[in-house]
Amino acid sequence: MRFLKSSLQVTLYILLSILLLMIVSDFAAAETELFGQSLAEKATEAETQKTTVVSGKEGWLFFAPELRHLSVGQFWGAAAQRVSRASNPEFADPLPAILDFKAQLDKAGIALIFVPIPAKATIYPEMVSEHGDATGRGDTYHQKFYDILRKHGVNVLDLTPLFLKNRFTDAGAVYCKQDTHWSGQGCVLAAEAIAEAIGTPAWVAEVPKRDIEIETRSTEIMGDLWRELGDEKLQKEQLQLTYVKEGVGASWRASPVVLLGDSHCLVFHAGANMHAQGAGLPDHLAYQLGFPVDVVAVRGSGATPSRLNLYRRRDNMKGKRVVVWCLSVREFTEGQGWRLVPVIR
């Protein structure tokens, strides 16, 4: 009798636990849907007002097209043409282009590390929406897409868990409050993660290393969102940037590592409207590896234009070992589209 009573208690406990998990799961799904709806409304309102800036809490500014991207749901396969802003529907789906590029690199014996950069609102959701919850992940469709890529053999480096863990530290936030790009700290974390993903294969040891020094100092920037907002009463952003000395981050055409992508590969690296030189992703990746990388990045869409730059070289990427393809997740729907580009012939 005592055994039956104990078994019944265990069964009830299991059933209650399952019920509680279902309730929590349903609540989380509902909140994620409300979050997406609120982002869609904010993006639409910004578009109506002919601006790309959405003001959030505590001085945080967000890029309206990025918010729209987070709200559209599935963005590959049959859904791609419905949600993509690509002018040619034929190039709406990112999946075929990514898999085609990987196949080309595979034939040449070159590894691909695909690094989609999380949206600012994914890392700081509470700063843009009352339905934002930073205790979990609101980018459900990104996770599904990355799983599909991985099933096809693509090495996807998802930075989201790392960035969520480091949202607020003594080193600062991982995104600029007043700019569309990640912060200097975001560059450092990404470079560390990419270097770890590259690992220590034999060819890395064969590349001559350099002794590299770094220094951190405060830098004031005029963020692209700050400039477009046009509110001079809003104080300019101060960032802690870690600078890599001796110009080691300068692009090295002969490097075995290609850094391919959009302006996230240029911010704090290229100077001028990219705010600084020597403190961006190429610089910190060079610091981690001990040698410079070959930077093939564009101020704009890192999906097709960056691969076209590789195509125009017409060298079949001779001497390359790894391509790190690093671009914002908004490129999945908000860019110029995803053409098949015969980089290697």
Protein backbone atom coordinates (compact mmCIF):
# COMPACT_ATOMS: atom_id res chain seq x y z
CA MET A 1 0.00 0.00 0.00
CA ARG A 2 2.84 2.34 0.94
CA PHE A 3 4.51 1.54 -2.41
CA LEU A 4 1.32 2.41 -4.34
CA LYS A 5 1.00 5.70 -2.45
CA SER A 6 4.60 6.60 -3.22
CA SER A 7 4.19 5.70 -6.89
CA LEU A 8 1.05 7.82 -7.10
CA GLN A 9 2.90 10.81 -5.60
CA VAL A 10 5.73 10.45 -8.10
CA THR A 11 3.24 10.22 -10.99
CA LEU A 12 1.39 13.32 -9.79
CA TYR A 13 4.68 15.19 -9.41
CA ILE A 14 5.70 14.28 -12.97
CA LEU A 15 2.31 15.31 -14.37
CA LEU A 16 2.38 18.63 -12.51
CA SER A 17 5.92 19.29 -13.72
CA ILE A 18 4.90 18.61 -17.32
CA LEU A 19 1.85 20.87 -16.95
CA LEU A 20 4.00 23.65 -15.48
CA LEU A 21 6.51 23.35 -18.33
CA MET A 22 3.67 23.56 -20.86
CA ILE A 23 2.30 26.69 -19.21
CA VAL A 24 5.72 28.34 -19.09
CA SER A 25 6.40 27.37 -22.71
CA ASP A 26 3.05 28.74 -23.90
CA PHE A 27 3.63 31.98 -21.98
CA ALA A 28 7.12 32.38 -23.47
CA ALA A 29 5.77 31.73 -26.98
CA ALA A 30 3.03 34.32 -26.44
CA GLU A 31 5.53 36.90 -25.20
CA THR A 32 7.81 36.22 -28.17
CA GLU A 33 4.88 36.80 -30.52
CA LEU A 34 3.96 40.04 -28.75
CA PHE A 35 7.58 41.14 -28.93
CA GLY A 36 7.63 40.53 -32.69
CA GLN A 37 4.36 42.42 -33.15
CA SER A 38 5.64 45.41 -31.20
CA LEU A 39 8.82 45.52 -33.31
CA ALA A 40 6.76 45.36 -36.51
CA GLU A 41 4.65 48.30 -35.31
CA LYS A 42 7.73 50.36 -34.44
CA ALA A 43 9.38 49.61 -37.78
CA THR A 44 6.21 50.52 -39.69
CA GLU A 45 5.83 53.76 -37.74
CA ALA A 46 9.43 54.71 -38.50
CA GLU A 47 8.93 53.96 -42.18
CA THR A 48 5.80 56.13 -42.21
CA GLN A 49 7.81 58.96 -40.66
CA LYS A 50 10.55 58.41 -43.27
CA THR A 51 13.24 57.59 -40.73
CA THR A 52 15.22 54.49 -39.89
CA VAL A 53 15.69 55.42 -36.22
CA VAL A 54 13.55 53.98 -33.43
CA SER A 55 14.12 55.53 -30.01
CA GLY A 56 14.16 53.09 -27.12
CA LYS A 57 14.67 53.40 -23.38
CA GLU A 58 17.57 55.06 -21.60
CA GLY A 59 18.93 56.68 -24.75
CA TRP A 60 19.16 53.45 -26.78
CA LEU A 61 18.52 53.87 -30.52
CA PHE A 62 17.56 51.04 -32.87
CA PHE A 63 17.64 50.54 -36.64
CA ALA A 64 14.10 50.17 -38.00
CA PRO A 65 14.95 47.69 -40.82
CA GLU A 66 16.57 45.43 -38.21
CA LEU A 67 13.41 45.52 -36.12
CA ARG A 68 11.36 44.66 -39.18
CA HIS A 69 13.61 41.70 -39.88
CA LEU A 70 13.05 40.34 -36.37
CA SER A 71 9.28 40.57 -36.86
CA VAL A 72 8.80 38.74 -40.18
CA GLY A 73 9.14 35.14 -38.97
CA GLN A 74 10.56 32.49 -41.30
CA PHE A 75 12.78 34.07 -43.96
CA TRP A 76 14.00 31.09 -46.01
CA GLY A 77 12.37 28.59 -48.33
CA ALA A 78 8.87 29.33 -49.59
CA ALA A 79 8.51 32.24 -47.16
CA ALA A 80 11.54 34.13 -48.47
CA GLN A 81 9.88 35.94 -51.37
CA ARG A 82 7.07 37.10 -49.10
CA VAL A 83 9.28 38.73 -46.46
CA SER A 84 12.46 39.74 -48.30
CA ARG A 85 13.17 43.31 -49.44
CA ALA A 86 15.39 42.05 -52.28
CA SER A 87 14.45 43.76 -55.56
CA ASN A 88 14.71 40.45 -57.43
CA PRO A 89 12.54 37.69 -55.88
CA GLU A 90 14.91 35.10 -57.36
CA PHE A 91 17.54 36.13 -54.81
CA ALA A 92 15.27 36.35 -51.75
CA ASP A 93 16.24 33.03 -50.13
CA PRO A 94 19.60 33.09 -48.30
CA LEU A 95 19.88 29.30 -47.97
CA PRO A 96 20.88 28.34 -51.56
CA ALA A 97 23.57 31.05 -51.74
CA ILE A 98 25.15 30.07 -48.41
CA LEU A 99 25.19 26.37 -49.31
CA ASP A 100 26.55 27.10 -52.79
CA PHE A 101 29.39 29.19 -51.37
CA LYS A 102 30.21 26.45 -48.87
CA ALA A 103 30.28 23.84 -51.66
CA GLN A 104 32.74 25.98 -53.65
CA LEU A 105 35.01 26.37 -50.63
CA ASP A 106 34.78 22.65 -49.84
CA LYS A 107 36.07 21.76 -53.32
CA ALA A 108 39.04 24.08 -52.79
CA GLY A 109 39.77 22.68 -49.32
CA ILE A 110 38.86 25.96 -47.62
CA ALA A 111 36.87 25.99 -44.37
CA LEU A 112 33.88 28.29 -43.89
CA ILE A 113 32.89 29.81 -40.55
CA PHE A 114 29.55 31.57 -40.91
CA VAL A 115 29.11 34.30 -38.27
CA PRO A 116 25.65 35.93 -38.32
CA ILE A 117 25.77 38.99 -36.05
CA PRO A 118 22.77 39.11 -33.68
CA ALA A 119 20.42 42.07 -33.85
CA LYS A 120 20.82 44.68 -31.12
CA ALA A 121 17.19 44.15 -30.12
CA THR A 122 17.86 40.43 -29.59
CA ILE A 123 20.52 41.24 -27.00
CA TYR A 124 18.79 44.27 -25.44
CA PRO A 125 15.06 43.55 -26.05
CA GLU A 126 13.86 45.38 -22.95
CA MET A 127 15.39 48.61 -24.27
CA VAL A 128 13.11 48.68 -27.31
CA SER A 129 9.87 46.96 -26.25
CA GLU A 130 7.75 46.47 -23.16
CA HIS A 131 7.51 42.82 -24.26
CA GLY A 132 11.27 42.39 -24.42
CA ASP A 133 12.72 39.71 -22.14
CA ALA A 134 16.47 39.30 -21.88
CA THR A 135 16.24 36.12 -19.78
CA GLY A 136 15.66 34.03 -22.91
CA ARG A 137 16.14 34.19 -26.67
CA GLY A 138 13.57 35.86 -28.86
CA ASP A 139 15.22 34.92 -32.18
CA THR A 140 13.43 31.60 -32.64
CA TYR A 141 13.62 31.65 -36.43
CA HIS A 142 17.33 32.41 -36.46
CA GLN A 143 17.94 29.34 -34.31
CA LYS A 144 15.86 27.20 -36.69
CA PHE A 145 17.78 28.53 -39.68
CA TYR A 146 21.15 27.87 -38.05
CA ASP A 147 20.06 24.30 -37.31
CA ILE A 148 19.25 23.82 -41.00
CA LEU A 149 22.64 25.21 -42.01
CA ARG A 150 24.40 22.92 -39.55
CA LYS A 151 22.53 19.89 -40.92
CA HIS A 152 24.04 20.81 -44.29
CA GLY A 153 27.51 20.92 -42.76
CA VAL A 154 27.88 24.69 -42.34
CA ASN A 155 29.95 25.72 -39.31
CA VAL A 156 27.69 28.38 -37.77
CA LEU A 157 29.19 30.48 -34.99
CA ASP A 158 26.16 31.83 -33.15
CA LEU A 159 27.35 34.73 -30.99
CA THR A 160 23.97 35.27 -29.31
CA PRO A 161 24.59 33.22 -26.12
CA LEU A 162 27.98 34.88 -25.67
CA PHE A 163 26.55 38.37 -26.15
CA LEU A 164 23.59 37.73 -23.84
CA LYS A 165 26.01 36.57 -21.15
CA ASN A 166 28.05 39.78 -21.54
CA ARG A 167 25.23 42.29 -22.06
CA PHE A 168 26.39 44.52 -19.23
CA THR A 169 29.90 44.15 -17.83
CA ASP A 170 32.64 46.48 -16.63
CA ALA A 171 33.94 46.46 -20.21
CA GLY A 172 30.67 48.02 -21.41
CA ALA A 173 27.74 46.93 -23.54
CA VAL A 174 28.33 44.75 -26.61
CA TYR A 175 26.47 47.17 -28.91
CA CYS A 176 26.64 50.90 -29.40
CA LYS A 177 23.64 52.72 -27.99
CA GLN A 178 23.57 55.28 -30.82
CA ASP A 179 24.96 53.31 -33.78
CA THR A 180 23.81 50.31 -35.80
CA HIS A 181 27.00 48.37 -35.05
CA TRP A 182 28.40 46.40 -32.19
CA SER A 183 30.67 48.15 -29.70
CA GLY A 184 34.40 47.78 -29.20
CA GLN A 185 33.64 45.13 -26.58
CA GLY A 186 31.48 43.30 -29.13
CA CYS A 187 34.46 43.26 -31.51
CA VAL A 188 36.73 41.82 -28.81
CA LEU A 189 34.29 39.05 -27.86
CA ALA A 190 33.62 38.16 -31.49
CA ALA A 191 37.34 38.01 -32.30
CA GLU A 192 37.98 35.70 -29.36
CA ALA A 193 35.13 33.40 -30.41
CA ILE A 194 36.23 33.34 -34.06
CA ALA A 195 39.85 32.59 -33.14
CA GLU A 196 38.63 29.71 -30.97
CA ALA A 197 36.51 28.42 -33.88
CA ILE A 198 39.55 28.53 -36.19
CA GLY A 199 41.51 26.59 -33.58
CA THR A 200 45.13 25.53 -33.96
CA PRO A 201 45.46 23.44 -37.15
CA ALA A 202 48.98 22.83 -38.42
CA TRP A 203 48.89 25.67 -40.96
CA VAL A 204 48.34 28.26 -38.21
CA ALA A 205 51.69 27.38 -36.66
CA GLU A 206 53.37 27.89 -40.04
CA VAL A 207 52.32 31.57 -40.31
CA PRO A 208 54.93 33.96 -38.84
CA LYS A 209 53.60 35.56 -35.65
CA ARG A 210 54.03 39.11 -34.43
CA ASP A 211 54.31 40.53 -30.93
CA ILE A 212 51.26 42.74 -30.63
CA GLU A 213 50.43 45.29 -27.94
CA ILE A 214 47.04 46.76 -27.09
CA GLU A 215 45.78 49.76 -25.14
CA THR A 216 42.29 50.81 -24.04
CA ARG A 217 41.07 54.39 -24.04
CA SER A 218 37.80 56.30 -24.11
CA THR A 219 36.59 57.49 -27.52
CA GLU A 220 33.63 59.71 -28.39
CA ILE A 221 31.67 58.73 -31.49
CA MET A 222 28.93 60.26 -33.62
CA GLY A 223 26.83 57.15 -34.20
CA ASP A 224 24.99 56.77 -37.49
CA LEU A 225 21.65 56.58 -35.66
CA TRP A 226 22.59 59.65 -33.59
CA ARG A 227 23.37 61.56 -36.77
CA GLU A 228 20.11 60.60 -38.45
CA LEU A 229 18.04 61.38 -35.36
CA GLY A 230 19.41 64.91 -35.48
CA ASP A 231 18.82 65.62 -31.81
CA GLU A 232 21.87 67.62 -30.72
CA LYS A 233 20.54 67.66 -27.14
CA LEU A 234 21.26 63.94 -26.98
CA GLN A 235 24.80 63.60 -25.70
CA LYS A 236 27.24 61.79 -27.97
CA GLU A 237 28.23 58.29 -26.98
CA GLN A 238 31.46 57.53 -25.15
CA LEU A 239 33.00 54.10 -25.76
CA GLN A 240 35.89 52.20 -24.28
CA LEU A 241 37.85 51.02 -27.32
CA THR A 242 40.82 48.67 -27.17
CA TYR A 243 43.33 49.64 -29.84
CA VAL A 244 45.73 47.17 -31.41
CA LYS A 245 49.08 48.91 -31.90
CA GLU A 246 51.59 48.74 -34.75
CA GLY A 247 49.01 48.60 -37.54
CA VAL A 248 48.92 44.81 -37.43
CA GLY A 249 45.21 44.86 -38.20
CA ALA A 250 45.77 46.26 -41.70
CA SER A 251 44.43 43.94 -44.39
CA TRP A 252 46.99 41.40 -45.61
CA ARG A 253 46.12 40.04 -49.05
CA ALA A 254 48.36 36.97 -48.59
CA SER A 255 46.78 36.00 -45.27
CA PRO A 256 45.37 32.45 -45.08
CA VAL A 257 42.32 33.87 -43.27
CA VAL A 258 39.70 35.90 -45.16
CA LEU A 259 37.35 38.13 -43.16
CA LEU A 260 34.35 38.56 -45.46
CA GLY A 261 31.27 40.62 -44.70
CA ASP A 262 29.59 43.94 -44.08
CA SER A 263 30.49 47.11 -42.18
CA HIS A 264 30.67 45.22 -38.88
CA CYS A 265 34.08 44.14 -40.23
CA LEU A 266 35.02 47.80 -40.79
CA VAL A 267 33.64 49.71 -37.80
CA PHE A 268 36.45 50.99 -35.51
CA HIS A 269 38.88 49.67 -38.13
CA ALA A 270 38.55 51.75 -41.29
CA GLY A 271 38.40 55.23 -39.77
CA ALA A 272 36.27 58.16 -41.10
CA ASN A 273 32.57 57.38 -40.55
CA MET A 274 33.62 54.03 -39.09
CA HIS A 275 34.68 56.04 -36.02
CA ALA A 276 38.23 54.79 -35.40
CA GLN A 277 41.20 52.82 -36.71
CA GLY A 278 42.90 49.89 -35.07
CA ALA A 279 40.11 48.83 -32.71
CA GLY A 280 37.77 46.80 -34.94
CA LEU A 281 37.16 43.12 -35.60
CA PRO A 282 40.09 42.70 -38.08
CA ASP A 283 42.46 44.24 -35.55
CA HIS A 284 41.37 42.03 -32.68
CA LEU A 285 41.27 38.94 -34.84
CA ALA A 286 44.87 39.70 -35.84
CA TYR A 287 45.70 40.12 -32.15
CA GLN A 288 44.17 36.73 -31.34
CA LEU A 289 45.82 34.91 -34.26
CA GLY A 290 49.17 36.66 -34.18
CA PHE A 291 48.97 37.70 -37.84
CA PRO A 292 46.76 39.97 -39.99
CA VAL A 293 43.74 38.77 -41.94
CA ASP A 294 42.61 39.50 -45.50
CA VAL A 295 39.68 41.92 -45.10
CA VAL A 296 37.05 41.75 -47.86
CA ALA A 297 34.25 43.85 -46.41
CA VAL A 298 31.82 46.43 -47.78
CA ARG A 299 29.93 49.38 -46.37
CA GLY A 300 26.53 47.91 -47.08
CA SER A 301 25.30 44.42 -47.80
CA GLY A 302 27.71 41.69 -46.80
CA ALA A 303 25.63 39.03 -48.53
CA THR A 304 26.24 39.36 -52.29
CA PRO A 305 28.51 42.43 -52.81
CA SER A 306 31.24 41.06 -50.55
CA ARG A 307 31.32 37.75 -52.46
CA LEU A 308 31.38 39.69 -55.72
CA ASN A 309 34.58 41.34 -54.50
CA LEU A 310 36.10 37.88 -54.07
CA TYR A 311 34.86 36.92 -57.55
CA ARG A 312 36.56 39.97 -59.11
CA ARG A 313 39.93 38.84 -57.79
CA ARG A 314 39.83 35.85 -60.15
CA ASP A 315 42.44 33.97 -58.15
CA ASN A 316 40.25 31.06 -57.01
CA MET A 317 41.25 32.04 -53.47
CA LYS A 318 44.66 30.47 -53.83
CA GLY A 319 46.48 30.12 -50.51
CA LYS A 320 43.38 30.62 -48.37
CA ARG A 321 42.55 28.26 -45.53
CA VAL A 322 39.52 29.80 -43.81
CA VAL A 323 36.77 32.21 -44.76
CA VAL A 324 35.05 33.93 -41.86
CA TRP A 325 31.77 35.26 -43.27
CA CYS A 326 30.52 37.85 -40.81
CA LEU A 327 27.38 39.89 -41.43
CA SER A 328 24.31 41.27 -39.68
CA VAL A 329 21.26 39.01 -39.40
CA ARG A 330 19.15 41.74 -40.99
CA GLU A 331 20.85 40.81 -44.28
CA PHE A 332 18.62 37.73 -44.39
CA THR A 333 15.67 39.95 -45.43
CA GLU A 334 16.69 43.62 -45.62
CA GLY A 335 19.64 43.56 -48.03
CA GLN A 336 20.07 43.37 -51.79
CA GLY A 337 19.47 39.65 -51.96
CA TRP A 338 21.47 36.43 -52.13
CA ARG A 339 22.85 35.71 -55.60
CA LEU A 340 24.87 32.64 -56.47
CA VAL A 341 28.39 33.95 -57.14
CA PRO A 342 31.05 31.70 -58.79
CA VAL A 343 33.92 32.80 -56.56
CA ILE A 344 35.89 29.64 -57.37
CA ARG A 345 35.83 28.40 -60.96
